[in-house]
């Protein structure tokens, strides 16, 4: 993801209800990964944001994303992650109910995060060959 969408989401998080921000953040990933849209282009990002915000709100978010406050906020957040050891994406800083933090790298680490958080989950399992075998 590029600077514009990250700054835009920082602005949205600061100015709108958390649930609305969270839904819009999820929509970014749909646009980026499922629809293969370039959310670094302001017109595409606006289309994405308008799935969850009114048009005027989308304009305010895009304008806000260019403000020095949100540029600095992203720089500071990035510096903090580097200090915590981040070396790539996706990088997760997870805090459990006891206040302990742990860093996780990679999209294949969900089970470790669930264990750390004490969240019940069903781990993946390799099944014996059958008629539903993959056809690669």
N, C-alpha and C. Protein backbone atom coordinates (compact mmCIF):
# COMPACT_ATOMS: atom_id res chain seq x y z
N UNK A 1 0.85 -1.17 0.00
CA UNK A 1 0.00 0.00 0.00
C UNK A 1 0.89 1.23 0.00
N UNK A 2 0.44 2.28 -0.60
CA UNK A 2 1.26 3.49 -0.70
C UNK A 2 0.91 4.50 0.38
N UNK A 3 1.59 5.62 0.34
CA UNK A 3 1.44 6.65 1.36
C UNK A 3 0.02 7.23 1.43
N UNK A 4 -0.57 7.54 0.29
CA UNK A 4 -1.88 8.19 0.29
C UNK A 4 -2.93 7.38 1.05
N UNK A 5 -3.13 6.10 0.75
CA UNK A 5 -4.15 5.37 1.50
C UNK A 5 -3.83 5.23 2.99
N UNK A 6 -2.57 5.09 3.33
CA UNK A 6 -2.22 4.97 4.75
C UNK A 6 -2.50 6.27 5.49
N UNK A 7 -2.15 7.40 4.89
CA UNK A 7 -2.44 8.69 5.52
C UNK A 7 -3.95 8.93 5.58
N UNK A 8 -4.64 8.55 4.52
CA UNK A 8 -6.10 8.72 4.49
C UNK A 8 -6.75 7.94 5.62
N UNK A 9 -6.27 6.73 5.86
CA UNK A 9 -6.87 5.92 6.93
C UNK A 9 -6.54 6.50 8.30
N UNK A 10 -5.38 7.09 8.46
CA UNK A 10 -5.06 7.76 9.73
C UNK A 10 -6.02 8.92 9.97
N UNK A 11 -6.29 9.69 8.92
CA UNK A 11 -7.24 10.80 9.03
C UNK A 11 -8.64 10.26 9.38
N UNK A 12 -9.07 9.22 8.66
CA UNK A 12 -10.40 8.65 8.90
C UNK A 12 -10.52 8.12 10.33
N UNK A 13 -9.48 7.49 10.82
CA UNK A 13 -9.49 6.95 12.19
C UNK A 13 -9.64 8.07 13.21
N UNK A 14 -9.07 9.22 12.91
CA UNK A 14 -9.10 10.39 13.79
C UNK A 14 -10.45 11.11 13.77
N UNK A 15 -11.22 10.99 12.68
CA UNK A 15 -12.39 11.84 12.50
C UNK A 15 -13.73 11.12 12.41
N UNK A 16 -13.73 9.81 12.38
CA UNK A 16 -14.98 9.08 12.19
C UNK A 16 -15.10 7.95 13.21
N UNK A 17 -16.31 7.42 13.40
CA UNK A 17 -16.48 6.31 14.34
C UNK A 17 -15.59 5.12 13.94
N UNK A 18 -15.10 4.42 14.97
CA UNK A 18 -14.14 3.34 14.73
C UNK A 18 -14.70 2.28 13.78
N UNK A 19 -15.96 1.92 13.94
CA UNK A 19 -16.55 0.88 13.09
C UNK A 19 -16.55 1.30 11.62
N UNK A 20 -16.83 2.56 11.37
CA UNK A 20 -16.82 3.07 9.99
C UNK A 20 -15.39 3.03 9.43
N UNK A 21 -14.43 3.47 10.23
CA UNK A 21 -13.01 3.40 9.84
C UNK A 21 -12.62 1.96 9.54
N UNK A 22 -12.98 1.05 10.43
CA UNK A 22 -12.60 -0.35 10.29
C UNK A 22 -13.19 -0.96 9.01
N UNK A 23 -14.45 -0.66 8.72
CA UNK A 23 -15.07 -1.16 7.49
C UNK A 23 -14.39 -0.61 6.25
N UNK A 24 -14.04 0.67 6.28
CA UNK A 24 -13.35 1.28 5.14
C UNK A 24 -11.95 0.68 4.98
N UNK A 25 -11.29 0.41 6.08
CA UNK A 25 -9.96 -0.21 6.02
C UNK A 25 -10.05 -1.59 5.36
N UNK A 26 -11.07 -2.35 5.74
CA UNK A 26 -11.28 -3.66 5.10
C UNK A 26 -11.55 -3.53 3.61
N UNK A 27 -12.29 -2.49 3.25
CA UNK A 27 -12.61 -2.25 1.83
C UNK A 27 -11.35 -1.97 1.02
N UNK A 28 -10.38 -1.30 1.64
CA UNK A 28 -9.10 -1.05 0.95
C UNK A 28 -8.48 -2.36 0.48
N UNK A 29 -8.52 -3.36 1.35
CA UNK A 29 -7.91 -4.65 1.01
C UNK A 29 -8.70 -5.36 -0.09
N UNK A 30 -10.02 -5.18 -0.10
CA UNK A 30 -10.84 -5.75 -1.17
C UNK A 30 -10.43 -5.10 -2.50
N UNK A 31 -10.36 -3.78 -2.53
CA UNK A 31 -9.97 -3.06 -3.75
C UNK A 31 -8.57 -3.49 -4.19
N UNK A 32 -7.66 -3.59 -3.24
CA UNK A 32 -6.25 -3.87 -3.55
C UNK A 32 -6.04 -5.31 -4.00
N UNK A 33 -6.53 -6.27 -3.23
CA UNK A 33 -6.19 -7.67 -3.47
C UNK A 33 -7.22 -8.44 -4.27
N UNK A 34 -8.51 -8.20 -4.05
CA UNK A 34 -9.52 -8.95 -4.78
C UNK A 34 -9.79 -8.33 -6.14
N UNK A 35 -9.87 -6.99 -6.16
CA UNK A 35 -10.22 -6.29 -7.40
C UNK A 35 -8.99 -5.78 -8.15
N UNK A 36 -7.82 -5.88 -7.54
CA UNK A 36 -6.56 -5.45 -8.17
C UNK A 36 -6.63 -4.00 -8.64
N UNK A 37 -7.15 -3.13 -7.77
CA UNK A 37 -7.28 -1.71 -8.08
C UNK A 37 -6.13 -0.96 -7.43
N UNK A 38 -5.68 0.09 -8.07
CA UNK A 38 -4.55 0.88 -7.57
C UNK A 38 -5.05 1.97 -6.63
N UNK A 39 -5.10 1.65 -5.33
CA UNK A 39 -5.62 2.59 -4.33
C UNK A 39 -4.67 3.74 -4.06
N UNK A 40 -3.50 3.75 -4.69
CA UNK A 40 -2.60 4.90 -4.54
C UNK A 40 -3.06 6.07 -5.42
N UNK A 41 -3.95 5.81 -6.35
CA UNK A 41 -4.53 6.86 -7.21
C UNK A 41 -5.73 7.45 -6.47
N UNK A 42 -5.75 8.77 -6.34
CA UNK A 42 -6.78 9.41 -5.51
C UNK A 42 -8.20 9.11 -5.98
N UNK A 43 -8.41 9.01 -7.30
CA UNK A 43 -9.76 8.74 -7.79
C UNK A 43 -10.22 7.32 -7.42
N UNK A 44 -9.30 6.36 -7.43
CA UNK A 44 -9.63 4.98 -7.03
C UNK A 44 -9.85 4.92 -5.52
N UNK A 45 -8.98 5.60 -4.77
CA UNK A 45 -9.12 5.62 -3.32
C UNK A 45 -10.46 6.27 -2.94
N UNK A 46 -10.84 7.34 -3.62
CA UNK A 46 -12.11 7.99 -3.33
C UNK A 46 -13.27 7.03 -3.58
N UNK A 47 -13.21 6.30 -4.68
CA UNK A 47 -14.27 5.33 -4.98
C UNK A 47 -14.36 4.29 -3.86
N UNK A 48 -13.22 3.84 -3.39
CA UNK A 48 -13.16 2.87 -2.30
C UNK A 48 -13.76 3.46 -1.02
N UNK A 49 -13.33 4.65 -0.67
CA UNK A 49 -13.81 5.30 0.56
C UNK A 49 -15.31 5.55 0.50
N UNK A 50 -15.82 5.90 -0.68
CA UNK A 50 -17.24 6.21 -0.83
C UNK A 50 -18.14 4.99 -0.65
N UNK A 51 -17.55 3.81 -0.50
CA UNK A 51 -18.33 2.62 -0.12
C UNK A 51 -18.79 2.75 1.33
N UNK A 52 -18.10 3.58 2.12
CA UNK A 52 -18.39 3.66 3.56
C UNK A 52 -18.55 5.08 4.09
N UNK A 53 -18.27 6.08 3.26
CA UNK A 53 -18.39 7.47 3.66
C UNK A 53 -19.18 8.23 2.60
N UNK A 54 -19.82 9.32 3.01
CA UNK A 54 -20.49 10.21 2.05
C UNK A 54 -19.43 10.89 1.18
N UNK A 55 -19.83 11.34 0.01
CA UNK A 55 -18.86 11.92 -0.92
C UNK A 55 -18.09 13.09 -0.31
N UNK A 56 -18.79 13.96 0.40
CA UNK A 56 -18.11 15.09 1.05
C UNK A 56 -17.10 14.62 2.09
N UNK A 57 -17.44 13.55 2.79
CA UNK A 57 -16.51 12.98 3.77
C UNK A 57 -15.28 12.41 3.08
N UNK A 58 -15.49 11.78 1.93
CA UNK A 58 -14.37 11.24 1.15
C UNK A 58 -13.43 12.36 0.71
N UNK A 59 -14.02 13.46 0.26
CA UNK A 59 -13.19 14.61 -0.13
C UNK A 59 -12.39 15.12 1.06
N UNK A 60 -13.03 15.19 2.24
CA UNK A 60 -12.34 15.66 3.45
C UNK A 60 -11.21 14.70 3.82
N UNK A 61 -11.44 13.41 3.68
CA UNK A 61 -10.40 12.41 4.00
C UNK A 61 -9.21 12.57 3.06
N UNK A 62 -9.48 12.70 1.77
CA UNK A 62 -8.39 12.85 0.80
C UNK A 62 -7.61 14.14 1.04
N UNK A 63 -8.31 15.21 1.36
CA UNK A 63 -7.64 16.48 1.67
C UNK A 63 -6.83 16.33 2.96
N UNK A 64 -7.43 15.72 3.96
CA UNK A 64 -6.75 15.52 5.24
C UNK A 64 -5.50 14.68 5.12
N UNK A 65 -5.51 13.74 4.18
CA UNK A 65 -4.35 12.85 3.99
C UNK A 65 -3.11 13.61 3.54
N UNK A 66 -3.29 14.83 3.04
CA UNK A 66 -2.15 15.63 2.59
C UNK A 66 -1.64 16.59 3.67
N UNK A 67 -2.34 16.63 4.82
CA UNK A 67 -1.95 17.54 5.90
C UNK A 67 -0.68 17.04 6.59
N UNK A 68 0.13 17.99 7.02
CA UNK A 68 1.38 17.67 7.71
C UNK A 68 1.19 16.77 8.91
N UNK A 69 0.09 16.96 9.64
CA UNK A 69 -0.17 16.16 10.84
C UNK A 69 -0.20 14.67 10.51
N UNK A 70 -0.85 14.29 9.41
CA UNK A 70 -0.99 12.88 9.07
C UNK A 70 0.26 12.33 8.38
N UNK A 71 0.99 13.20 7.70
CA UNK A 71 2.29 12.80 7.16
C UNK A 71 3.22 12.46 8.31
N UNK A 72 3.26 13.33 9.32
CA UNK A 72 4.12 13.11 10.49
C UNK A 72 3.67 11.88 11.28
N UNK A 73 2.35 11.71 11.41
CA UNK A 73 1.82 10.58 12.15
C UNK A 73 2.29 9.26 11.52
N UNK A 74 2.26 9.20 10.18
CA UNK A 74 2.70 7.98 9.50
C UNK A 74 4.20 7.77 9.66
N UNK A 75 4.98 8.84 9.56
CA UNK A 75 6.43 8.74 9.77
C UNK A 75 6.72 8.24 11.19
N UNK A 76 6.03 8.80 12.17
CA UNK A 76 6.24 8.40 13.57
C UNK A 76 5.84 6.95 13.80
N UNK A 77 4.72 6.55 13.24
CA UNK A 77 4.24 5.17 13.39
C UNK A 77 5.23 4.19 12.75
N UNK A 78 5.74 4.55 11.59
CA UNK A 78 6.73 3.71 10.90
C UNK A 78 8.00 3.60 11.72
N UNK A 79 8.47 4.72 12.26
CA UNK A 79 9.69 4.71 13.09
C UNK A 79 9.50 3.83 14.32
N UNK A 80 8.32 3.89 14.94
CA UNK A 80 8.03 3.07 16.11
C UNK A 80 8.09 1.59 15.75
N UNK A 81 7.54 1.23 14.60
CA UNK A 81 7.55 -0.17 14.17
C UNK A 81 8.97 -0.65 13.88
N UNK A 82 9.78 0.20 13.26
CA UNK A 82 11.18 -0.15 13.00
C UNK A 82 11.91 -0.36 14.32
N UNK A 83 11.65 0.50 15.30
CA UNK A 83 12.26 0.34 16.63
C UNK A 83 11.86 -0.99 17.27
N UNK A 84 10.64 -1.46 16.97
CA UNK A 84 10.17 -2.73 17.53
C UNK A 84 10.69 -3.92 16.73
N UNK A 85 11.45 -3.64 15.66
CA UNK A 85 12.06 -4.72 14.90
C UNK A 85 11.41 -5.03 13.57
N UNK A 86 10.41 -4.27 13.16
CA UNK A 86 9.73 -4.55 11.89
C UNK A 86 10.71 -4.51 10.73
N UNK A 87 10.59 -5.50 9.86
CA UNK A 87 11.47 -5.57 8.70
C UNK A 87 10.71 -5.85 7.42
N UNK A 88 9.40 -5.93 7.49
CA UNK A 88 8.61 -6.19 6.30
C UNK A 88 7.13 -6.15 6.63
N UNK A 89 6.34 -6.52 5.65
CA UNK A 89 4.89 -6.52 5.83
C UNK A 89 4.34 -7.87 5.37
N UNK A 90 3.31 -8.33 6.01
CA UNK A 90 2.60 -7.69 7.11
C UNK A 90 3.31 -7.91 8.45
N UNK A 91 3.36 -6.86 9.23
CA UNK A 91 3.96 -6.87 10.56
C UNK A 91 2.85 -6.56 11.56
N UNK A 92 2.71 -7.40 12.56
CA UNK A 92 1.66 -7.22 13.56
C UNK A 92 2.29 -7.02 14.93
N UNK A 93 1.84 -6.01 15.64
CA UNK A 93 2.19 -5.82 17.05
C UNK A 93 0.91 -6.16 17.81
N UNK A 94 0.95 -7.25 18.56
CA UNK A 94 -0.25 -7.77 19.22
C UNK A 94 -0.08 -7.62 20.73
N UNK A 95 -1.11 -7.08 21.38
CA UNK A 95 -1.10 -6.93 22.84
C UNK A 95 -2.20 -7.82 23.41
N UNK A 96 -1.83 -8.68 24.37
CA UNK A 96 -2.82 -9.57 24.97
C UNK A 96 -3.51 -8.90 26.15
N UNK A 97 -4.42 -9.62 26.79
CA UNK A 97 -5.20 -9.09 27.90
C UNK A 97 -4.38 -8.73 29.12
N UNK A 98 -3.16 -9.25 29.21
CA UNK A 98 -2.27 -8.94 30.33
C UNK A 98 -1.38 -7.74 30.03
N UNK A 99 -1.53 -7.17 28.83
CA UNK A 99 -0.74 -6.01 28.45
C UNK A 99 0.61 -6.35 27.83
N UNK A 100 0.89 -7.63 27.65
CA UNK A 100 2.15 -8.06 27.05
C UNK A 100 2.04 -7.93 25.52
N UNK A 101 3.11 -7.41 24.90
CA UNK A 101 3.13 -7.26 23.44
C UNK A 101 4.08 -8.27 22.82
N UNK A 102 3.70 -8.70 21.62
CA UNK A 102 4.52 -9.63 20.85
C UNK A 102 4.44 -9.20 19.39
N UNK A 103 5.54 -9.32 18.67
CA UNK A 103 5.57 -9.00 17.25
C UNK A 103 5.41 -10.27 16.43
N UNK A 104 4.69 -10.16 15.32
CA UNK A 104 4.50 -11.29 14.41
C UNK A 104 4.71 -10.78 12.99
N UNK A 105 5.40 -11.57 12.18
CA UNK A 105 5.63 -11.21 10.78
C UNK A 105 5.06 -12.31 9.90
N UNK A 106 4.30 -11.92 8.90
CA UNK A 106 3.83 -12.86 7.90
C UNK A 106 2.34 -13.14 7.99
N UNK A 107 1.76 -13.42 6.84
CA UNK A 107 0.33 -13.69 6.77
C UNK A 107 -0.01 -15.12 7.16
N UNK A 108 1.01 -15.92 7.45
CA UNK A 108 0.78 -17.31 7.87
C UNK A 108 1.01 -17.49 9.37
N UNK A 109 0.88 -16.43 10.14
CA UNK A 109 1.16 -16.48 11.58
C UNK A 109 -0.08 -16.32 12.45
N UNK A 110 -1.25 -16.41 11.84
CA UNK A 110 -2.48 -16.19 12.61
C UNK A 110 -2.60 -17.15 13.78
N UNK A 111 -2.25 -18.40 13.59
CA UNK A 111 -2.39 -19.37 14.69
C UNK A 111 -1.50 -19.01 15.87
N UNK A 112 -0.31 -18.46 15.60
CA UNK A 112 0.56 -18.01 16.69
C UNK A 112 -0.06 -16.82 17.43
N UNK A 113 -0.68 -15.92 16.67
CA UNK A 113 -1.34 -14.77 17.30
C UNK A 113 -2.52 -15.23 18.14
N UNK A 114 -3.31 -16.15 17.62
CA UNK A 114 -4.45 -16.67 18.38
C UNK A 114 -3.97 -17.32 19.68
N UNK A 115 -2.89 -18.11 19.59
CA UNK A 115 -2.35 -18.74 20.80
C UNK A 115 -1.91 -17.67 21.80
N UNK A 116 -1.20 -16.67 21.32
CA UNK A 116 -0.71 -15.59 22.19
C UNK A 116 -1.87 -14.87 22.88
N UNK A 117 -2.95 -14.67 22.15
CA UNK A 117 -4.12 -13.97 22.69
C UNK A 117 -5.03 -14.87 23.51
N UNK A 118 -4.80 -16.18 23.44
CA UNK A 118 -5.67 -17.11 24.15
C UNK A 118 -7.03 -17.24 23.49
N UNK A 119 -7.07 -17.04 22.18
CA UNK A 119 -8.31 -17.12 21.42
C UNK A 119 -8.49 -18.55 20.92
N UNK A 120 -9.64 -19.18 21.20
CA UNK A 120 -9.87 -20.53 20.68
C UNK A 120 -9.91 -20.50 19.15
N UNK A 121 -9.30 -21.49 18.54
CA UNK A 121 -9.30 -21.57 17.08
C UNK A 121 -9.11 -23.01 16.67
N UNK A 122 -9.45 -23.28 15.43
CA UNK A 122 -9.24 -24.61 14.87
C UNK A 122 -8.06 -24.52 13.93
N UNK A 123 -7.01 -25.23 14.26
CA UNK A 123 -5.80 -25.20 13.45
C UNK A 123 -6.05 -25.90 12.12
N UNK A 124 -5.22 -25.60 11.14
CA UNK A 124 -5.35 -26.27 9.85
C UNK A 124 -4.85 -27.70 9.97
N UNK A 125 -5.34 -28.55 9.10
CA UNK A 125 -4.92 -29.94 9.12
C UNK A 125 -4.80 -30.44 7.68
N UNK A 126 -3.83 -31.29 7.45
CA UNK A 126 -3.68 -31.92 6.15
C UNK A 126 -4.58 -33.15 6.15
N UNK A 127 -5.45 -33.24 5.17
CA UNK A 127 -6.40 -34.34 5.09
C UNK A 127 -5.87 -35.42 4.16
N UNK A 128 -6.30 -36.65 4.37
CA UNK A 128 -5.87 -37.73 3.48
C UNK A 128 -6.43 -37.51 2.08
N UNK A 129 -5.75 -38.03 1.06
CA UNK A 129 -6.23 -37.85 -0.32
C UNK A 129 -7.64 -38.42 -0.46
N UNK A 130 -8.42 -37.78 -1.28
CA UNK A 130 -9.78 -38.23 -1.53
C UNK A 130 -10.27 -37.70 -2.86
N UNK A 131 -11.53 -37.89 -3.10
CA UNK A 131 -12.08 -37.46 -4.39
C UNK A 131 -12.13 -35.93 -4.53
N UNK A 132 -12.00 -35.20 -3.42
CA UNK A 132 -12.01 -33.74 -3.47
C UNK A 132 -10.60 -33.16 -3.56
N UNK A 133 -9.65 -33.93 -4.07
CA UNK A 133 -8.26 -33.49 -4.14
C UNK A 133 -8.14 -32.25 -5.03
N UNK A 134 -7.17 -31.42 -4.72
CA UNK A 134 -6.91 -30.22 -5.51
C UNK A 134 -6.52 -30.59 -6.93
N UNK A 135 -6.89 -29.74 -7.85
CA UNK A 135 -6.56 -29.97 -9.27
C UNK A 135 -5.68 -28.84 -9.75
N UNK A 136 -4.41 -28.91 -9.44
CA UNK A 136 -3.48 -27.85 -9.84
C UNK A 136 -2.91 -28.11 -11.20
